[in-house]
Amino acid sequence: MLSCCAIVYTIVTIPIVWLFSGLFYQARGIDDRNKLPYFPYRDDGEIIYKAIEDLMKDVVNFFYTAEKDVLQDYEIQGFANEMSAQGLGSNGGKGKLRGFPPAINSKVLLVNIFTRLIWTASAQHTAVNYPIAAYGAFTPNMPTKIYDDDRVAPEVFNAFRLPNGFVSAPVSEYEVDDELSFLFMYATKRLVDVSMEDCLKTRSTRAALLPPTTVNWSIPETKIAGGGIPINFVQVQAGVAMSLGSLRLDRLFDYGARLSDQASSVIVLKHYNRLHSAVKPLLEKRNKQRFQEGYLTYPYLSPAWIPNSICT
């Protein structure tokens, strides 16, 4: 895995280009709307991205009168220098982001960077995360594994190859290497008396946390050949999906009234109201039309669904 990450790092960059622009679409082959008429992420995403960008334009233009004001903001310049792989000095380059500029020399670039950051933490994550509650929670849609089951002839597929309540696994499988399973079990409360701090401890300590007496299975512990404990992976998958895909703590731009700076409060409230008075009805209208045309609706980028940042 580390080798793969090292290879990818040498070829992947974070170019500061406008998302949802012609170049962005062309690079991904999604620019021809006649060939690809149904792509809600593209079509709704550009509306939300524009709303974030409009907010950031107002904020940046209010606090920075001229380009030189950006260049003289040592905190902004320090941030860029630290994040960029080309950063210099004792703090330079720590973020190791290839393609990220080591200096921010204009208001336009600053707006672009802020917009990208907010988009990634809010709407982008919403589009990736929240569909899992409706899609990933149903095992046949997205099985975590496909099993080689003795009850099924080779080259034949049926439901026995999907995760199910009859699949068994030794407890040691979770005690040794599978940290992801450990975290999933914690997230879905498959373990009792285990804190998140325990999840971050060493492998040996983590293994000690999982003797059979501490495993709180919700299905009967039937005797299974090989000493395994029955694990209802379907139930675990549904629990994880619902835990990840159902929690929202706030709404995009809903914090305006809580800002201590009056000018910032007015700007954010203006854009929050626009999201819900203009953008939300537009996207609702689009979804009604999609439904009428036989397409799936796409509620995930509605302003009512988008939190300010990652909630799970």
C-alpha atoms as a PDB file:
ATOM      1  CA  MET A   1       0.000   0.000   0.000  1.00  0.00           C
ATOM      2  CA  LEU A   2       2.772   2.436   0.890  1.00  0.00           C
ATOM      3  CA  SER A   3       4.506   1.646  -2.393  1.00  0.00           C
ATOM      4  CA  CYS A   4       1.311   2.433  -4.299  1.00  0.00           C
ATOM      5  CA  CYS A   5       0.933   5.723  -2.423  1.00  0.00           C
ATOM      6  CA  ALA A   6       4.526   6.663  -3.237  1.00  0.00           C
ATOM      7  CA  ILE A   7       3.964   6.013  -6.945  1.00  0.00           C
ATOM      8  CA  VAL A   8       0.688   7.933  -7.035  1.00  0.00           C
ATOM      9  CA  TYR A   9       2.270  10.884  -5.242  1.00  0.00           C
ATOM     10  CA  THR A  10       4.774  11.301  -8.076  1.00  0.00           C
ATOM     11  CA  ILE A  11       2.048  11.616 -10.734  1.00  0.00           C
ATOM     12  CA  VAL A  12      -0.889  13.276  -8.959  1.00  0.00           C
ATOM     13  CA  THR A  13      -0.956  17.023  -8.465  1.00  0.00           C
ATOM     14  CA  ILE A  14      -3.391  19.525  -6.946  1.00  0.00           C
ATOM     15  CA  PRO A  15      -3.557  22.019  -9.797  1.00  0.00           C
ATOM     16  CA  ILE A  16      -5.226  25.290  -8.949  1.00  0.00           C
ATOM     17  CA  VAL A  17      -7.618  25.444 -11.894  1.00  0.00           C
ATOM     18  CA  TRP A  18     -11.266  26.344 -11.874  1.00  0.00           C
ATOM     19  CA  LEU A  19     -13.412  23.363 -11.080  1.00  0.00           C
ATOM     20  CA  PHE A  20     -16.590  23.044 -13.137  1.00  0.00           C
ATOM     21  CA  SER A  21     -15.007  24.907 -16.029  1.00  0.00           C
ATOM     22  CA  GLY A  22     -14.538  23.970 -19.668  1.00  0.00           C
ATOM     23  CA  LEU A  23     -11.030  22.607 -19.044  1.00  0.00           C
ATOM     24  CA  PHE A  24     -12.267  20.660 -16.040  1.00  0.00           C
ATOM     25  CA  TYR A  25     -15.046  19.064 -18.083  1.00  0.00           C
ATOM     26  CA  GLN A  26     -12.862  18.315 -21.096  1.00  0.00           C
ATOM     27  CA  ALA A  27     -10.147  16.662 -18.995  1.00  0.00           C
ATOM     28  CA  ARG A  28     -12.749  14.223 -17.695  1.00  0.00           C
ATOM     29  CA  GLY A  29     -14.674  13.743 -20.936  1.00  0.00           C
ATOM     30  CA  ILE A  30     -17.917  15.134 -19.538  1.00  0.00           C
ATOM     31  CA  ASP A  31     -18.120  18.369 -21.488  1.00  0.00           C
ATOM     32  CA  ASP A  32     -20.576  17.225 -24.202  1.00  0.00           C
ATOM     33  CA  ARG A  33     -24.031  17.512 -22.653  1.00  0.00           C
ATOM     34  CA  ASN A  34     -25.664  16.025 -25.730  1.00  0.00           C
ATOM     35  CA  LYS A  35     -23.670  12.811 -25.305  1.00  0.00           C
ATOM     36  CA  LEU A  36     -23.993  12.889 -21.517  1.00  0.00           C
ATOM     37  CA  PRO A  37     -27.271  14.672 -20.771  1.00  0.00           C
ATOM     38  CA  TYR A  38     -27.845  13.055 -17.366  1.00  0.00           C
ATOM     39  CA  PHE A  39     -25.009  13.817 -14.946  1.00  0.00           C
ATOM     40  CA  PRO A  40     -26.496  15.440 -11.813  1.00  0.00           C
ATOM     41  CA  TYR A  41     -23.167  15.721 -10.024  1.00  0.00           C
ATOM     42  CA  ARG A  42     -21.848  17.880 -12.859  1.00  0.00           C
ATOM     43  CA  ASP A  43     -25.000  19.922 -13.378  1.00  0.00           C
ATOM     44  CA  ASP A  44     -25.972  20.499  -9.742  1.00  0.00           C
ATOM     45  CA  GLY A  45     -22.361  20.649  -8.595  1.00  0.00           C
ATOM     46  CA  GLU A  46     -21.565  23.644 -10.768  1.00  0.00           C
ATOM     47  CA  ILE A  47     -24.488  25.545  -9.200  1.00  0.00           C
ATOM     48  CA  ILE A  48     -23.286  24.850  -5.652  1.00  0.00           C
ATOM     49  CA  TYR A  49     -19.669  25.525  -6.590  1.00  0.00           C
ATOM     50  CA  LYS A  50     -20.700  28.885  -8.036  1.00  0.00           C
ATOM     51  CA  ALA A  51     -22.604  29.699  -4.818  1.00  0.00           C
ATOM     52  CA  ILE A  52     -19.487  28.990  -2.738  1.00  0.00           C
ATOM     53  CA  GLU A  53     -17.353  30.992  -5.139  1.00  0.00           C
ATOM     54  CA  ASP A  54     -19.735  33.972  -4.947  1.00  0.00           C
ATOM     55  CA  LEU A  55     -19.499  33.960  -1.158  1.00  0.00           C
ATOM     56  CA  MET A  56     -15.710  33.848  -1.267  1.00  0.00           C
ATOM     57  CA  LYS A  57     -15.569  36.707  -3.797  1.00  0.00           C
ATOM     58  CA  ASP A  58     -17.571  38.904  -1.445  1.00  0.00           C
ATOM     59  CA  VAL A  59     -15.427  37.963   1.555  1.00  0.00           C
ATOM     60  CA  VAL A  60     -12.093  38.406  -0.213  1.00  0.00           C
ATOM     61  CA  ASN A  61     -13.095  41.672  -1.869  1.00  0.00           C
ATOM     62  CA  PHE A  62     -14.275  43.072   1.457  1.00  0.00           C
ATOM     63  CA  PHE A  63     -11.130  42.246   3.407  1.00  0.00           C
ATOM     64  CA  TYR A  64      -8.545  42.765   0.654  1.00  0.00           C
ATOM     65  CA  THR A  65      -8.822  46.055  -1.210  1.00  0.00           C
ATOM     66  CA  ALA A  66      -5.908  45.465  -3.601  1.00  0.00           C
ATOM     67  CA  GLU A  67      -3.684  42.620  -4.760  1.00  0.00           C
ATOM     68  CA  LYS A  68      -0.844  43.887  -2.576  1.00  0.00           C
ATOM     69  CA  ASP A  69      -3.020  43.296   0.493  1.00  0.00           C
ATOM     70  CA  VAL A  70      -3.024  39.588  -0.289  1.00  0.00           C
ATOM     71  CA  LEU A  71       0.731  39.537  -0.755  1.00  0.00           C
ATOM     72  CA  GLN A  72       1.208  41.367   2.565  1.00  0.00           C
ATOM     73  CA  ASP A  73      -0.984  38.929   4.514  1.00  0.00           C
ATOM     74  CA  TYR A  74       1.775  36.908   6.167  1.00  0.00           C
ATOM     75  CA  GLU A  75      -0.634  34.300   7.523  1.00  0.00           C
ATOM     76  CA  ILE A  76      -2.076  33.532   4.082  1.00  0.00           C
ATOM     77  CA  GLN A  77       1.411  33.450   2.565  1.00  0.00           C
ATOM     78  CA  GLY A  78       2.670  31.241   5.390  1.00  0.00           C
ATOM     79  CA  PHE A  79      -0.227  28.857   4.807  1.00  0.00           C
ATOM     80  CA  ALA A  80       0.566  28.586   1.082  1.00  0.00           C
ATOM     81  CA  ASN A  81       4.285  28.117   1.705  1.00  0.00           C
ATOM     82  CA  GLU A  82       3.635  25.362   4.243  1.00  0.00           C
ATOM     83  CA  MET A  83       1.088  23.488   2.118  1.00  0.00           C
ATOM     84  CA  SER A  84       2.982  23.617  -1.171  1.00  0.00           C
ATOM     85  CA  ALA A  85       5.559  20.961  -2.015  1.00  0.00           C
ATOM     86  CA  GLN A  86       7.641  23.856  -3.369  1.00  0.00           C
ATOM     87  CA  GLY A  87       7.559  25.768  -0.084  1.00  0.00           C
ATOM     88  CA  LEU A  88      10.802  27.139   1.342  1.00  0.00           C
ATOM     89  CA  GLY A  89      12.245  27.648   4.813  1.00  0.00           C
ATOM     90  CA  SER A  90      11.781  25.751   8.053  1.00  0.00           C
ATOM     91  CA  ASN A  91       7.997  25.456   7.639  1.00  0.00           C
ATOM     92  CA  GLY A  92       7.943  25.303   3.857  1.00  0.00           C
ATOM     93  CA  GLY A  93       6.719  22.227   2.031  1.00  0.00           C
ATOM     94  CA  LYS A  94       5.328  20.374   5.023  1.00  0.00           C
ATOM     95  CA  GLY A  95       1.980  19.816   3.322  1.00  0.00           C
ATOM     96  CA  LYS A  96       3.734  18.250   0.303  1.00  0.00           C
ATOM     97  CA  LEU A  97       0.882  19.272  -2.026  1.00  0.00           C
ATOM     98  CA  ARG A  98       2.277  19.107  -5.549  1.00  0.00           C
ATOM     99  CA  GLY A  99       0.802  21.801  -7.772  1.00  0.00           C
ATOM    100  CA  PHE A 100      -0.295  23.991  -4.854  1.00  0.00           C
ATOM    101  CA  PRO A 101       1.303  27.455  -5.213  1.00  0.00           C
ATOM    102  CA  PRO A 102       3.967  28.376  -2.628  1.00  0.00           C
ATOM    103  CA  ALA A 103       2.647  31.956  -2.689  1.00  0.00           C
ATOM    104  CA  ILE A 104      -0.797  33.477  -3.281  1.00  0.00           C
ATOM    105  CA  ASN A 105      -0.290  36.579  -5.391  1.00  0.00           C
ATOM    106  CA  SER A 106      -3.819  37.680  -6.298  1.00  0.00           C
ATOM    107  CA  LYS A 107      -7.364  37.943  -4.991  1.00  0.00           C
ATOM    108  CA  VAL A 108      -8.569  35.711  -7.817  1.00  0.00           C
ATOM    109  CA  LEU A 109      -6.218  32.918  -6.766  1.00  0.00           C
ATOM    110  CA  LEU A 110      -7.199  33.327  -3.127  1.00  0.00           C
ATOM    111  CA  VAL A 111     -10.892  33.028  -4.020  1.00  0.00           C
ATOM    112  CA  ASN A 112     -10.134  29.914  -6.046  1.00  0.00           C
ATOM    113  CA  ILE A 113      -8.235  28.226  -3.212  1.00  0.00           C
ATOM    114  CA  PHE A 114     -10.845  29.059  -0.567  1.00  0.00           C
ATOM    115  CA  THR A 115     -13.628  27.889  -2.870  1.00  0.00           C
ATOM    116  CA  ARG A 116     -11.850  24.590  -3.509  1.00  0.00           C
ATOM    117  CA  LEU A 117     -11.289  23.992   0.202  1.00  0.00           C
ATOM    118  CA  ILE A 118     -14.899  24.716   1.162  1.00  0.00           C
ATOM    119  CA  TRP A 119     -16.259  22.715  -1.778  1.00  0.00           C
ATOM    120  CA  THR A 120     -14.138  19.678  -0.876  1.00  0.00           C
ATOM    121  CA  ALA A 121     -15.113  19.650   2.802  1.00  0.00           C
ATOM    122  CA  SER A 122     -18.808  20.329   2.198  1.00  0.00           C
ATOM    123  CA  ALA A 123     -20.528  19.560  -1.107  1.00  0.00           C
ATOM    124  CA  GLN A 124     -17.865  17.226  -2.522  1.00  0.00           C
ATOM    125  CA  HIS A 125     -17.921  15.075   0.602  1.00  0.00           C
ATOM    126  CA  THR A 126     -21.721  15.176   0.655  1.00  0.00           C
ATOM    127  CA  ALA A 127     -21.867  13.774  -2.878  1.00  0.00           C
ATOM    128  CA  VAL A 128     -19.483  10.961  -1.963  1.00  0.00           C
ATOM    129  CA  ASN A 129     -20.696  10.141   1.540  1.00  0.00           C
ATOM    130  CA  TYR A 130     -24.453  10.476   1.884  1.00  0.00           C
ATOM    131  CA  PRO A 131     -25.582   8.232  -0.999  1.00  0.00           C
ATOM    132  CA  ILE A 132     -24.163   5.338   1.006  1.00  0.00           C
ATOM    133  CA  ALA A 133     -27.233   5.374   3.272  1.00  0.00           C
ATOM    134  CA  ALA A 134     -29.553   4.666   0.337  1.00  0.00           C
ATOM    135  CA  TYR A 135     -27.197   2.636  -1.839  1.00  0.00           C
ATOM    136  CA  GLY A 136     -24.386   1.107   0.191  1.00  0.00           C
ATOM    137  CA  ALA A 137     -26.624  -0.082   3.027  1.00  0.00           C
ATOM    138  CA  PHE A 138     -28.262  -2.634   0.690  1.00  0.00           C
ATOM    139  CA  THR A 139     -25.674  -5.416   0.447  1.00  0.00           C
ATOM    140  CA  PRO A 140     -26.580  -6.686  -3.069  1.00  0.00           C
ATOM    141  CA  ASN A 141     -25.877  -3.177  -4.394  1.00  0.00           C
ATOM    142  CA  MET A 142     -22.435  -2.961  -2.838  1.00  0.00           C
ATOM    143  CA  PRO A 143     -21.267  -6.203  -1.211  1.00  0.00           C
ATOM    144  CA  THR A 144     -18.200  -5.790   0.950  1.00  0.00           C
ATOM    145  CA  LYS A 145     -16.934  -9.177  -0.246  1.00  0.00           C
ATOM    146  CA  ILE A 146     -17.884 -11.973  -2.644  1.00  0.00           C
ATOM    147  CA  TYR A 147     -17.419 -15.380  -1.024  1.00  0.00           C
ATOM    148  CA  ASP A 148     -16.323 -18.741  -2.407  1.00  0.00           C
ATOM    149  CA  ASP A 149     -19.125 -20.773  -0.829  1.00  0.00           C
ATOM    150  CA  ASP A 150     -19.136 -24.592  -0.858  1.00  0.00           C
ATOM    151  CA  ARG A 151     -22.901 -24.574  -1.388  1.00  0.00           C
ATOM    152  CA  VAL A 152     -22.465 -22.936  -4.788  1.00  0.00           C
ATOM    153  CA  ALA A 153     -21.019 -24.663  -7.842  1.00  0.00           C
ATOM    154  CA  PRO A 154     -17.916 -23.066  -9.418  1.00  0.00           C
ATOM    155  CA  GLU A 155     -18.646 -20.304 -11.927  1.00  0.00           C
ATOM    156  CA  VAL A 156     -22.190 -19.962 -10.549  1.00  0.00           C
ATOM    157  CA  PHE A 157     -23.403 -16.919  -8.650  1.00  0.00           C
ATOM    158  CA  ASN A 158     -26.245 -16.752  -6.143  1.00  0.00           C
ATOM    159  CA  ALA A 159     -27.018 -15.043  -2.850  1.00  0.00           C
ATOM    160  CA  PHE A 160     -24.805 -17.423  -0.861  1.00  0.00           C
ATOM    161  CA  ARG A 161     -21.812 -15.625  -2.340  1.00  0.00           C
ATOM    162  CA  LEU A 162     -22.919 -12.372  -0.724  1.00  0.00           C
ATOM    163  CA  PRO A 163     -22.128 -11.522   2.897  1.00  0.00           C
ATOM    164  CA  ASN A 164     -24.791 -13.054   5.137  1.00  0.00           C
ATOM    165  CA  GLY A 165     -25.530 -14.127   8.669  1.00  0.00           C
ATOM    166  CA  PHE A 166     -24.185 -17.626   8.105  1.00  0.00           C
ATOM    167  CA  VAL A 167     -20.654 -16.465   7.323  1.00  0.00           C
ATOM    168  CA  SER A 168     -18.246 -17.105  10.172  1.00  0.00           C
ATOM    169  CA  ALA A 169     -14.828 -15.751  11.007  1.00  0.00           C
ATOM    170  CA  PRO A 170     -12.411 -16.436  13.858  1.00  0.00           C
ATOM    171  CA  VAL A 171     -12.092 -13.679  16.412  1.00  0.00           C
ATOM    172  CA  SER A 172      -8.354 -13.682  15.756  1.00  0.00           C
ATOM    173  CA  GLU A 173      -9.099 -12.296  12.285  1.00  0.00           C
ATOM    174  CA  TYR A 174     -10.132  -9.097  14.027  1.00  0.00           C
ATOM    175  CA  GLU A 175      -7.480  -9.278  16.720  1.00  0.00           C
ATOM    176  CA  VAL A 176      -4.457  -9.060  14.463  1.00  0.00           C
ATOM    177  CA  ASP A 177      -4.422  -7.171  11.193  1.00  0.00           C
ATOM    178  CA  ASP A 178      -7.810  -5.853  10.244  1.00  0.00           C
ATOM    179  CA  GLU A 179      -7.820  -2.384  11.763  1.00  0.00           C
ATOM    180  CA  LEU A 180     -10.528  -1.217   9.372  1.00  0.00           C
ATOM    181  CA  SER A 181     -12.859  -3.950  10.601  1.00  0.00           C
ATOM    182  CA  PHE A 182     -12.010  -2.961  14.154  1.00  0.00           C
ATOM    183  CA  LEU A 183     -12.987   0.645  13.463  1.00  0.00           C
ATOM    184  CA  PHE A 184     -16.155  -0.450  11.659  1.00  0.00           C
ATOM    185  CA  MET A 185     -17.118  -2.581  14.637  1.00  0.00           C
ATOM    186  CA  TYR A 186     -16.479   0.366  16.931  1.00  0.00           C
ATOM    187  CA  ALA A 187     -18.505   2.710  14.702  1.00  0.00           C
ATOM    188  CA  THR A 188     -21.475   0.353  14.682  1.00  0.00           C
ATOM    189  CA  LYS A 189     -21.117  -0.377  18.399  1.00  0.00           C
ATOM    190  CA  ARG A 190     -20.174  -4.002  17.819  1.00  0.00           C
ATOM    191  CA  LEU A 191     -17.763  -3.639  20.732  1.00  0.00           C
ATOM    192  CA  VAL A 192     -18.566  -2.717  24.285  1.00  0.00           C
ATOM    193  CA  ASP A 193     -16.342  -0.808  26.696  1.00  0.00           C
ATOM    194  CA  VAL A 194     -13.971   0.297  23.942  1.00  0.00           C
ATOM    195  CA  SER A 195     -13.145   3.959  23.381  1.00  0.00           C
ATOM    196  CA  MET A 196     -11.832   5.639  20.247  1.00  0.00           C
ATOM    197  CA  GLU A 197      -8.523   6.119  22.077  1.00  0.00           C
ATOM    198  CA  ASP A 198      -8.259   2.340  22.220  1.00  0.00           C
ATOM    199  CA  CYS A 199      -8.682   2.238  18.444  1.00  0.00           C
ATOM    200  CA  LEU A 200      -5.519   4.283  18.052  1.00  0.00           C
ATOM    201  CA  LYS A 201      -3.300   2.119  20.244  1.00  0.00           C
ATOM    202  CA  THR A 202      -0.788  -0.449  19.063  1.00  0.00           C
ATOM    203  CA  ARG A 203      -1.740  -3.705  17.375  1.00  0.00           C
ATOM    204  CA  SER A 204      -0.881  -5.797  20.436  1.00  0.00           C
ATOM    205  CA  THR A 205      -3.004  -3.622  22.706  1.00  0.00           C
ATOM    206  CA  ARG A 206      -5.818  -3.624  20.169  1.00  0.00           C
ATOM    207  CA  ALA A 207      -5.695  -7.427  20.022  1.00  0.00           C
ATOM    208  CA  ALA A 208      -6.025  -7.625  23.780  1.00  0.00           C
ATOM    209  CA  LEU A 209      -9.236  -5.595  23.572  1.00  0.00           C
ATOM    210  CA  LEU A 210     -11.018  -8.338  21.684  1.00  0.00           C
ATOM    211  CA  PRO A 211     -11.292 -11.492  23.768  1.00  0.00           C
ATOM    212  CA  PRO A 212     -14.569 -13.318  23.060  1.00  0.00           C
ATOM    213  CA  THR A 213     -16.083 -12.080  26.308  1.00  0.00           C
ATOM    214  CA  THR A 214     -16.033  -8.470  25.107  1.00  0.00           C
ATOM    215  CA  VAL A 215     -17.688  -9.085  21.745  1.00  0.00           C
ATOM    216  CA  ASN A 216     -21.330  -8.124  21.880  1.00  0.00           C
ATOM    217  CA  TRP A 217     -22.864  -9.986  18.935  1.00  0.00           C
ATOM    218  CA  SER A 218     -26.525  -9.320  18.271  1.00  0.00           C
ATOM    219  CA  ILE A 219     -27.149 -12.814  16.818  1.00  0.00           C
ATOM    220  CA  PRO A 220     -26.939 -16.152  18.670  1.00  0.00           C
ATOM    221  CA  GLU A 221     -23.421 -17.487  19.107  1.00  0.00           C
ATOM    222  CA  THR A 222     -23.979 -20.836  17.397  1.00  0.00           C
ATOM    223  CA  LYS A 223     -21.214 -23.398  17.313  1.00  0.00           C
ATOM    224  CA  ILE A 224     -19.537 -23.380  13.911  1.00  0.00           C
ATOM    225  CA  ALA A 225     -16.843 -25.715  12.638  1.00  0.00           C
ATOM    226  CA  GLY A 226     -13.371 -24.229  12.945  1.00  0.00           C
ATOM    227  CA  GLY A 227     -14.139 -22.287  16.113  1.00  0.00           C
ATOM    228  CA  GLY A 228     -15.534 -19.272  14.299  1.00  0.00           C
ATOM    229  CA  ILE A 229     -18.062 -16.834  15.677  1.00  0.00           C
ATOM    230  CA  PRO A 230     -21.042 -16.068  13.418  1.00  0.00           C
ATOM    231  CA  ILE A 231     -20.872 -12.525  12.090  1.00  0.00           C
ATOM    232  CA  ASN A 232     -23.811 -10.937  10.352  1.00  0.00           C
ATOM    233  CA  PHE A 233     -21.855  -8.850   7.877  1.00  0.00           C
ATOM    234  CA  VAL A 234     -25.068  -7.617   6.289  1.00  0.00           C
ATOM    235  CA  GLN A 235     -26.122  -6.077   9.576  1.00  0.00           C
ATOM    236  CA  VAL A 236     -22.655  -4.591  10.125  1.00  0.00           C
ATOM    237  CA  GLN A 237     -22.631  -3.111   6.606  1.00  0.00           C
ATOM    238  CA  ALA A 238     -26.075  -1.586   7.056  1.00  0.00           C
ATOM    239  CA  GLY A 239     -25.049  -0.141  10.419  1.00  0.00           C
ATOM    240  CA  VAL A 240     -21.878   1.402   9.045  1.00  0.00           C
ATOM    241  CA  ALA A 241     -23.700   2.829   6.029  1.00  0.00           C
ATOM    242  CA  MET A 242     -26.412   4.393   8.164  1.00  0.00           C
ATOM    243  CA  SER A 243     -23.863   5.745  10.646  1.00  0.00           C
ATOM    244  CA  LEU A 244     -21.915   7.417   7.837  1.00  0.00           C
ATOM    245  CA  GLY A 245     -24.819   8.493   5.678  1.00  0.00           C
ATOM    246  CA  SER A 246     -27.454   9.833   8.039  1.00  0.00           C
ATOM    247  CA  LEU A 247     -25.747  12.366  10.326  1.00  0.00           C
ATOM    248  CA  ARG A 248     -25.820  16.063   9.495  1.00  0.00           C
ATOM    249  CA  LEU A 249     -24.946  18.610  12.170  1.00  0.00           C
ATOM    250  CA  ASP A 250     -25.593  21.820  10.239  1.00  0.00           C
ATOM    251  CA  ARG A 251     -26.284  23.338   6.813  1.00  0.00           C
ATOM    252  CA  LEU A 252     -23.964  25.099   4.399  1.00  0.00           C
ATOM    253  CA  PHE A 253     -23.475  28.792   5.344  1.00  0.00           C
ATOM    254  CA  ASP A 254     -25.829  28.552   8.345  1.00  0.00           C
ATOM    255  CA  TYR A 255     -23.345  30.193  10.751  1.00  0.00           C
ATOM    256  CA  GLY A 256     -23.724  33.825   9.664  1.00  0.00           C
ATOM    257  CA  ALA A 257     -25.690  34.943  12.712  1.00  0.00           C
ATOM    258  CA  ARG A 258     -23.027  33.489  15.027  1.00  0.00           C
ATOM    259  CA  LEU A 259     -20.099  35.430  13.549  1.00  0.00           C
ATOM    260  CA  SER A 260     -18.731  38.175  15.787  1.00  0.00           C
ATOM    261  CA  ASP A 261     -17.629  40.333  12.842  1.00  0.00           C
ATOM    262  CA  GLN A 262     -20.711  42.222  11.641  1.00  0.00           C
ATOM    263  CA  ALA A 263     -19.593  42.576   8.016  1.00  0.00           C
ATOM    264  CA  SER A 264     -18.820  38.863   7.739  1.00  0.00           C
ATOM    265  CA  SER A 265     -22.164  38.026   9.304  1.00  0.00           C
ATOM    266  CA  VAL A 266     -24.044  40.110   6.741  1.00  0.00           C
ATOM    267  CA  ILE A 267     -22.148  38.545   3.819  1.00  0.00           C
ATOM    268  CA  VAL A 268     -22.692  34.954   4.962  1.00  0.00           C
ATOM    269  CA  LEU A 269     -26.374  35.499   5.778  1.00  0.00           C
ATOM    270  CA  LYS A 270     -26.919  36.984   2.313  1.00  0.00           C
ATOM    271  CA  HIS A 271     -25.484  33.910   0.610  1.00  0.00           C
ATOM    272  CA  TYR A 272     -27.249  31.487   2.961  1.00  0.00           C
ATOM    273  CA  ASN A 273     -30.580  33.113   2.100  1.00  0.00           C
ATOM    274  CA  ARG A 274     -29.784  32.936  -1.602  1.00  0.00           C
ATOM    275  CA  LEU A 275     -28.991  29.229  -1.302  1.00  0.00           C
ATOM    276  CA  HIS A 276     -32.429  28.508   0.136  1.00  0.00           C
ATOM    277  CA  SER A 277     -34.513  31.060  -1.749  1.00  0.00           C
ATOM    278  CA  ALA A 278     -33.035  30.615  -5.239  1.00  0.00           C
ATOM    279  CA  VAL A 279     -30.700  27.611  -5.524  1.00  0.00           C
ATOM    280  CA  LYS A 280     -32.752  25.075  -3.547  1.00  0.00           C
ATOM    281  CA  PRO A 281     -35.980  25.656  -5.557  1.00  0.00           C
ATOM    282  CA  LEU A 282     -33.973  25.425  -8.802  1.00  0.00           C
ATOM    283  CA  LEU A 283     -32.510  22.042  -7.868  1.00  0.00           C
ATOM    284  CA  GLU A 284     -35.898  20.783  -6.671  1.00  0.00           C
ATOM    285  CA  LYS A 285     -37.366  21.734 -10.049  1.00  0.00           C
ATOM    286  CA  ARG A 286     -34.562  19.857 -11.803  1.00  0.00           C
ATOM    287  CA  ASN A 287     -35.223  16.737  -9.766  1.00  0.00           C
ATOM    288  CA  LYS A 288     -38.927  16.812 -10.606  1.00  0.00           C
ATOM    289  CA  GLN A 289     -38.019  17.015 -14.275  1.00  0.00           C
ATOM    290  CA  ARG A 290     -35.534  14.138 -13.925  1.00  0.00           C
ATOM    291  CA  PHE A 291     -38.204  12.001 -12.341  1.00  0.00           C
ATOM    292  CA  GLN A 292     -40.689  12.821 -15.091  1.00  0.00           C
ATOM    293  CA  GLU A 293     -38.111  11.880 -17.729  1.00  0.00           C
ATOM    294  CA  GLY A 294     -37.426   8.517 -16.091  1.00  0.00           C
ATOM    295  CA  TYR A 295     -34.123   9.400 -14.455  1.00  0.00           C
ATOM    296  CA  LEU A 296     -33.156   8.965 -10.820  1.00  0.00           C
ATOM    297  CA  THR A 297     -33.466  12.112  -8.750  1.00  0.00           C
ATOM    298  CA  TYR A 298     -30.355  13.503  -7.073  1.00  0.00           C
ATOM    299  CA  PRO A 299     -31.080  15.181  -3.727  1.00  0.00           C
ATOM    300  CA  TYR A 300     -27.531  15.071  -2.391  1.00  0.00           C
ATOM    301  CA  LEU A 301     -26.449  18.532  -3.561  1.00  0.00           C
ATOM    302  CA  SER A 302     -29.576  20.292  -2.389  1.00  0.00           C
ATOM    303  CA  PRO A 303     -28.562  23.040   0.075  1.00  0.00           C
ATOM    304  CA  ALA A 304     -30.753  21.365   2.687  1.00  0.00           C
ATOM    305  CA  TRP A 305     -28.528  18.270   2.517  1.00  0.00           C
ATOM    306  CA  ILE A 306     -25.060  19.855   2.516  1.00  0.00           C
ATOM    307  CA  PRO A 307     -23.311  20.402   5.871  1.00  0.00           C
ATOM    308  CA  ASN A 308     -20.482  22.892   6.320  1.00  0.00           C
ATOM    309  CA  SER A 309     -17.902  20.149   6.674  1.00  0.00           C
ATOM    310  CA  ILE A 310     -17.484  16.428   7.292  1.00  0.00           C
ATOM    311  CA  CYS A 311     -19.792  15.248  10.081  1.00  0.00           C
ATOM    312  CA  THR A 312     -18.894  11.540  10.263  1.00  0.00           C
END
